[in-house]
Amino acid sequence: MLVLKRQDGEAIQINDNIKLIVHVQPGQKIKIAVSAPKDIPVLRQELTEQPVNQP
C-alpha cells in the first residue's frame, strides 16, 4: 500500500485519466474528489463488499 500526504487542493494522479483531489475544511471531515472517465466505476468500498450472512 502506498501512503501519501497531501494538503488542501493538492492532487494524486493515477495513470493519465484518474485524479484524486483533497479538500480540507477546518473542523470538518476530509473530502476527496475523484475525476475519472465515465466508463471507470468509482464506488465506496462498503458498496463493493459482499454482505455477511447473519444467523
PDB file of N, CA and C in Angstrom:
ATOM      1  N   MET A   1       0.854  -1.171   0.000  1.00  0.00           N
ATOM      2  CA  MET A   1       0.000   0.000   0.000  1.00  0.00           C
ATOM      3  C   MET A   1       0.900   1.234   0.000  1.00  0.00           C
ATOM      4  N   LEU A   2       0.560   2.179  -0.814  1.00  0.00           N
ATOM      5  CA  LEU A   2       1.267   3.452  -0.884  1.00  0.00           C
ATOM      6  C   LEU A   2       0.507   4.480  -0.061  1.00  0.00           C
ATOM      7  N   VAL A   3       1.198   5.166   0.849  1.00  0.00           N
ATOM      8  CA  VAL A   3       0.573   6.194   1.680  1.00  0.00           C
ATOM      9  C   VAL A   3       1.221   7.530   1.340  1.00  0.00           C
ATOM     10  N   LEU A   4       0.395   8.499   0.961  1.00  0.00           N
ATOM     11  CA  LEU A   4       0.891   9.820   0.587  1.00  0.00           C
ATOM     12  C   LEU A   4       0.251  10.890   1.453  1.00  0.00           C
ATOM     13  N   LYS A   5       1.004  11.911   1.784  1.00  0.00           N
ATOM     14  CA  LYS A   5       0.449  13.066   2.490  1.00  0.00           C
ATOM     15  C   LYS A   5       0.122  14.136   1.450  1.00  0.00           C
ATOM     16  N   ARG A   6      -1.048  14.702   1.561  1.00  0.00           N
ATOM     17  CA  ARG A   6      -1.470  15.771   0.658  1.00  0.00           C
ATOM     18  C   ARG A   6      -2.069  16.891   1.488  1.00  0.00           C
ATOM     19  N   GLN A   7      -1.953  18.088   1.019  1.00  0.00           N
ATOM     20  CA  GLN A   7      -2.571  19.230   1.671  1.00  0.00           C
ATOM     21  C   GLN A   7      -3.783  19.660   0.855  1.00  0.00           C
ATOM     22  N   ASP A   8      -4.566  20.569   1.424  1.00  0.00           N
ATOM     23  CA  ASP A   8      -5.781  21.041   0.759  1.00  0.00           C
ATOM     24  C   ASP A   8      -5.476  21.514  -0.660  1.00  0.00           C
ATOM     25  N   GLY A   9      -6.247  21.010  -1.604  1.00  0.00           N
ATOM     26  CA  GLY A   9      -6.102  21.414  -3.001  1.00  0.00           C
ATOM     27  C   GLY A   9      -5.085  20.618  -3.781  1.00  0.00           C
ATOM     28  N   GLU A  10      -4.257  19.832  -3.113  1.00  0.00           N
ATOM     29  CA  GLU A  10      -3.284  19.023  -3.830  1.00  0.00           C
ATOM     30  C   GLU A  10      -3.959  17.764  -4.361  1.00  0.00           C
ATOM     31  N   ALA A  11      -3.327  17.141  -5.337  1.00  0.00           N
ATOM     32  CA  ALA A  11      -3.954  16.003  -6.010  1.00  0.00           C
ATOM     33  C   ALA A  11      -2.981  14.839  -6.138  1.00  0.00           C
ATOM     34  N   ILE A  12      -3.554  13.680  -6.423  1.00  0.00           N
ATOM     35  CA  ILE A  12      -2.804  12.469  -6.747  1.00  0.00           C
ATOM     36  C   ILE A  12      -3.280  12.031  -8.122  1.00  0.00           C
ATOM     37  N   GLN A  13      -2.355  11.847  -9.052  1.00  0.00           N
ATOM     38  CA  GLN A  13      -2.681  11.445 -10.416  1.00  0.00           C
ATOM     39  C   GLN A  13      -2.444   9.953 -10.567  1.00  0.00           C
ATOM     40  N   ILE A  14      -3.426   9.224 -11.108  1.00  0.00           N
ATOM     41  CA  ILE A  14      -3.311   7.793 -11.375  1.00  0.00           C
ATOM     42  C   ILE A  14      -3.460   7.596 -12.879  1.00  0.00           C
ATOM     43  N   ASN A  15      -2.408   7.082 -13.487  1.00  0.00           N
ATOM     44  CA  ASN A  15      -2.346   6.974 -14.950  1.00  0.00           C
ATOM     45  C   ASN A  15      -2.604   8.345 -15.561  1.00  0.00           C
ATOM     46  N   ASP A  16      -3.140   8.366 -16.768  1.00  0.00           N
ATOM     47  CA  ASP A  16      -3.399   9.640 -17.439  1.00  0.00           C
ATOM     48  C   ASP A  16      -4.817  10.140 -17.224  1.00  0.00           C
ATOM     49  N   ASN A  17      -5.698   9.290 -16.653  1.00  0.00           N
ATOM     50  CA  ASN A  17      -7.108   9.650 -16.684  1.00  0.00           C
ATOM     51  C   ASN A  17      -7.829   9.664 -15.336  1.00  0.00           C
ATOM     52  N   ILE A  18      -7.118   9.469 -14.223  1.00  0.00           N
ATOM     53  CA  ILE A  18      -7.774   9.489 -12.913  1.00  0.00           C
ATOM     54  C   ILE A  18      -7.020  10.448 -11.999  1.00  0.00           C
ATOM     55  N   LYS A  19      -7.765  11.347 -11.371  1.00  0.00           N
ATOM     56  CA  LYS A  19      -7.164  12.308 -10.447  1.00  0.00           C
ATOM     57  C   LYS A  19      -7.971  12.329  -9.159  1.00  0.00           C
ATOM     58  N   LEU A  20      -7.269  12.259  -8.013  1.00  0.00           N
ATOM     59  CA  LEU A  20      -7.881  12.376  -6.699  1.00  0.00           C
ATOM     60  C   LEU A  20      -7.458  13.725  -6.131  1.00  0.00           C
ATOM     61  N   ILE A  21      -8.428  14.563  -5.759  1.00  0.00           N
ATOM     62  CA  ILE A  21      -8.145  15.898  -5.250  1.00  0.00           C
ATOM     63  C   ILE A  21      -8.614  15.974  -3.799  1.00  0.00           C
ATOM     64  N   VAL A  22      -7.746  16.455  -2.922  1.00  0.00           N
ATOM     65  CA  VAL A  22      -8.031  16.539  -1.492  1.00  0.00           C
ATOM     66  C   VAL A  22      -8.620  17.908  -1.161  1.00  0.00           C
ATOM     67  N   HIS A  23      -9.729  17.903  -0.408  1.00  0.00           N
ATOM     68  CA  HIS A  23     -10.363  19.134   0.067  1.00  0.00           C
ATOM     69  C   HIS A  23     -10.475  19.046   1.586  1.00  0.00           C
ATOM     70  N   VAL A  24      -9.867  20.013   2.274  1.00  0.00           N
ATOM     71  CA  VAL A  24      -9.883  20.030   3.738  1.00  0.00           C
ATOM     72  C   VAL A  24     -10.470  21.366   4.199  1.00  0.00           C
ATOM     73  N   GLN A  25     -11.473  21.280   5.078  1.00  0.00           N
ATOM     74  CA  GLN A  25     -12.030  22.474   5.690  1.00  0.00           C
ATOM     75  C   GLN A  25     -11.914  22.291   7.199  1.00  0.00           C
ATOM     76  N   PRO A  26     -11.378  23.294   7.901  1.00  0.00           N
ATOM     77  CA  PRO A  26     -11.190  23.157   9.357  1.00  0.00           C
ATOM     78  C   PRO A  26     -12.473  22.731  10.062  1.00  0.00           C
ATOM     79  N   GLY A  27     -12.344  21.746  10.965  1.00  0.00           N
ATOM     80  CA  GLY A  27     -13.476  21.282  11.747  1.00  0.00           C
ATOM     81  C   GLY A  27     -14.400  20.331  11.016  1.00  0.00           C
ATOM     82  N   GLN A  28     -14.071  19.961   9.790  1.00  0.00           N
ATOM     83  CA  GLN A  28     -14.914  19.044   9.019  1.00  0.00           C
ATOM     84  C   GLN A  28     -14.097  17.845   8.573  1.00  0.00           C
ATOM     85  N   LYS A  29     -14.766  16.848   8.051  1.00  0.00           N
ATOM     86  CA  LYS A  29     -14.082  15.674   7.532  1.00  0.00           C
ATOM     87  C   LYS A  29     -13.350  16.032   6.244  1.00  0.00           C
ATOM     88  N   ILE A  30     -12.346  15.252   5.931  1.00  0.00           N
ATOM     89  CA  ILE A  30     -11.612  15.428   4.683  1.00  0.00           C
ATOM     90  C   ILE A  30     -12.478  14.933   3.537  1.00  0.00           C
ATOM     91  N   LYS A  31     -12.475  15.657   2.436  1.00  0.00           N
ATOM     92  CA  LYS A  31     -13.229  15.243   1.252  1.00  0.00           C
ATOM     93  C   LYS A  31     -12.235  14.930   0.141  1.00  0.00           C
ATOM     94  N   ILE A  32     -12.555  13.895  -0.634  1.00  0.00           N
ATOM     95  CA  ILE A  32     -11.721  13.509  -1.765  1.00  0.00           C
ATOM     96  C   ILE A  32     -12.584  13.557  -3.019  1.00  0.00           C
ATOM     97  N   ALA A  33     -12.180  14.381  -3.961  1.00  0.00           N
ATOM     98  CA  ALA A  33     -12.882  14.465  -5.235  1.00  0.00           C
ATOM     99  C   ALA A  33     -12.182  13.529  -6.215  1.00  0.00           C
ATOM    100  N   VAL A  34     -12.970  12.779  -6.979  1.00  0.00           N
ATOM    101  CA  VAL A  34     -12.427  11.833  -7.947  1.00  0.00           C
ATOM    102  C   VAL A  34     -12.824  12.288  -9.339  1.00  0.00           C
ATOM    103  N   SER A  35     -11.829  12.477 -10.182  1.00  0.00           N
ATOM    104  CA  SER A  35     -12.068  12.819 -11.573  1.00  0.00           C
ATOM    105  C   SER A  35     -11.610  11.634 -12.421  1.00  0.00           C
ATOM    106  N   ALA A  36     -12.581  10.960 -13.052  1.00  0.00           N
ATOM    107  CA  ALA A  36     -12.273   9.774 -13.853  1.00  0.00           C
ATOM    108  C   ALA A  36     -13.254   9.696 -15.016  1.00  0.00           C
ATOM    109  N   PRO A  37     -12.876   9.017 -16.093  1.00  0.00           N
ATOM    110  CA  PRO A  37     -13.808   8.833 -17.214  1.00  0.00           C
ATOM    111  C   PRO A  37     -15.067   8.099 -16.762  1.00  0.00           C
ATOM    112  N   LYS A  38     -16.170   8.359 -17.428  1.00  0.00           N
ATOM    113  CA  LYS A  38     -17.457   7.759 -17.053  1.00  0.00           C
ATOM    114  C   LYS A  38     -17.461   6.241 -17.160  1.00  0.00           C
ATOM    115  N   ASP A  39     -16.583   5.652 -17.993  1.00  0.00           N
ATOM    116  CA  ASP A  39     -16.574   4.197 -18.142  1.00  0.00           C
ATOM    117  C   ASP A  39     -15.787   3.489 -17.026  1.00  0.00           C
ATOM    118  N   ILE A  40     -15.206   4.244 -16.093  1.00  0.00           N
ATOM    119  CA  ILE A  40     -14.499   3.656 -14.960  1.00  0.00           C
ATOM    120  C   ILE A  40     -15.378   3.793 -13.725  1.00  0.00           C
ATOM    121  N   PRO A  41     -15.844   2.682 -13.142  1.00  0.00           N
ATOM    122  CA  PRO A  41     -16.692   2.780 -11.964  1.00  0.00           C
ATOM    123  C   PRO A  41     -15.909   3.297 -10.753  1.00  0.00           C
ATOM    124  N   VAL A  42     -16.512   4.220 -10.022  1.00  0.00           N
ATOM    125  CA  VAL A  42     -15.921   4.747  -8.793  1.00  0.00           C
ATOM    126  C   VAL A  42     -16.954   4.541  -7.695  1.00  0.00           C
ATOM    127  N   LEU A  43     -16.664   3.612  -6.783  1.00  0.00           N
ATOM    128  CA  LEU A  43     -17.604   3.258  -5.722  1.00  0.00           C
ATOM    129  C   LEU A  43     -16.914   3.304  -4.364  1.00  0.00           C
ATOM    130  N   ARG A  44     -17.673   3.609  -3.325  1.00  0.00           N
ATOM    131  CA  ARG A  44     -17.157   3.480  -1.966  1.00  0.00           C
ATOM    132  C   ARG A  44     -16.944   1.991  -1.687  1.00  0.00           C
ATOM    133  N   GLN A  45     -15.921   1.682  -0.905  1.00  0.00           N
ATOM    134  CA  GLN A  45     -15.574   0.283  -0.652  1.00  0.00           C
ATOM    135  C   GLN A  45     -16.731  -0.496  -0.054  1.00  0.00           C
ATOM    136  N   GLU A  46     -17.492   0.114   0.867  1.00  0.00           N
ATOM    137  CA  GLU A  46     -18.575  -0.633   1.509  1.00  0.00           C
ATOM    138  C   GLU A  46     -19.662  -1.057   0.508  1.00  0.00           C
ATOM    139  N   LEU A  47     -19.721  -0.422  -0.639  1.00  0.00           N
ATOM    140  CA  LEU A  47     -20.699  -0.818  -1.656  1.00  0.00           C
ATOM    141  C   LEU A  47     -20.215  -1.989  -2.504  1.00  0.00           C
ATOM    142  N   THR A  48     -18.923  -2.287  -2.438  1.00  0.00           N
ATOM    143  CA  THR A  48     -18.377  -3.390  -3.228  1.00  0.00           C
ATOM    144  C   THR A  48     -18.192  -4.665  -2.423  1.00  0.00           C
ATOM    145  N   GLU A  49     -18.320  -4.553  -1.096  1.00  0.00           N
ATOM    146  CA  GLU A  49     -18.139  -5.730  -0.237  1.00  0.00           C
ATOM    147  C   GLU A  49     -19.389  -6.593  -0.245  1.00  0.00           C
ATOM    148  N   GLN A  50     -19.193  -7.900  -0.149  1.00  0.00           N
ATOM    149  CA  GLN A  50     -20.298  -8.831  -0.116  1.00  0.00           C
ATOM    150  C   GLN A  50     -20.942  -8.785   1.271  1.00  0.00           C
ATOM    151  N   PRO A  51     -22.270  -8.773   1.353  1.00  0.00           N
ATOM    152  CA  PRO A  51     -22.920  -8.782   2.678  1.00  0.00           C
ATOM    153  C   PRO A  51     -22.624 -10.091   3.407  1.00  0.00           C
ATOM    154  N   VAL A  52     -22.484 -10.008   4.713  1.00  0.00           N
ATOM    155  CA  VAL A  52     -22.211 -11.176   5.535  1.00  0.00           C
ATOM    156  C   VAL A  52     -23.546 -11.774   5.966  1.00  0.00           C
ATOM    157  N   ASN A  53     -23.722 -13.069   5.734  1.00  0.00           N
ATOM    158  CA  ASN A  53     -24.939 -13.747   6.163  1.00  0.00           C
ATOM    159  C   ASN A  53     -24.921 -13.874   7.673  1.00  0.00           C
ATOM    160  N   GLN A  54     -25.962 -13.378   8.301  1.00  0.00           N
ATOM    161  CA  GLN A  54     -26.040 -13.462   9.753  1.00  0.00           C
ATOM    162  C   GLN A  54     -27.115 -14.460  10.137  1.00  0.00           C
ATOM    163  N   PRO A  55     -26.815 -15.322  11.133  1.00  0.00           N
ATOM    164  CA  PRO A  55     -27.778 -16.365  11.533  1.00  0.00           C
ATOM    165  C   PRO A  55     -29.017 -15.786  12.172  1.00  0.00           C
TER     166      PRO A  55
END
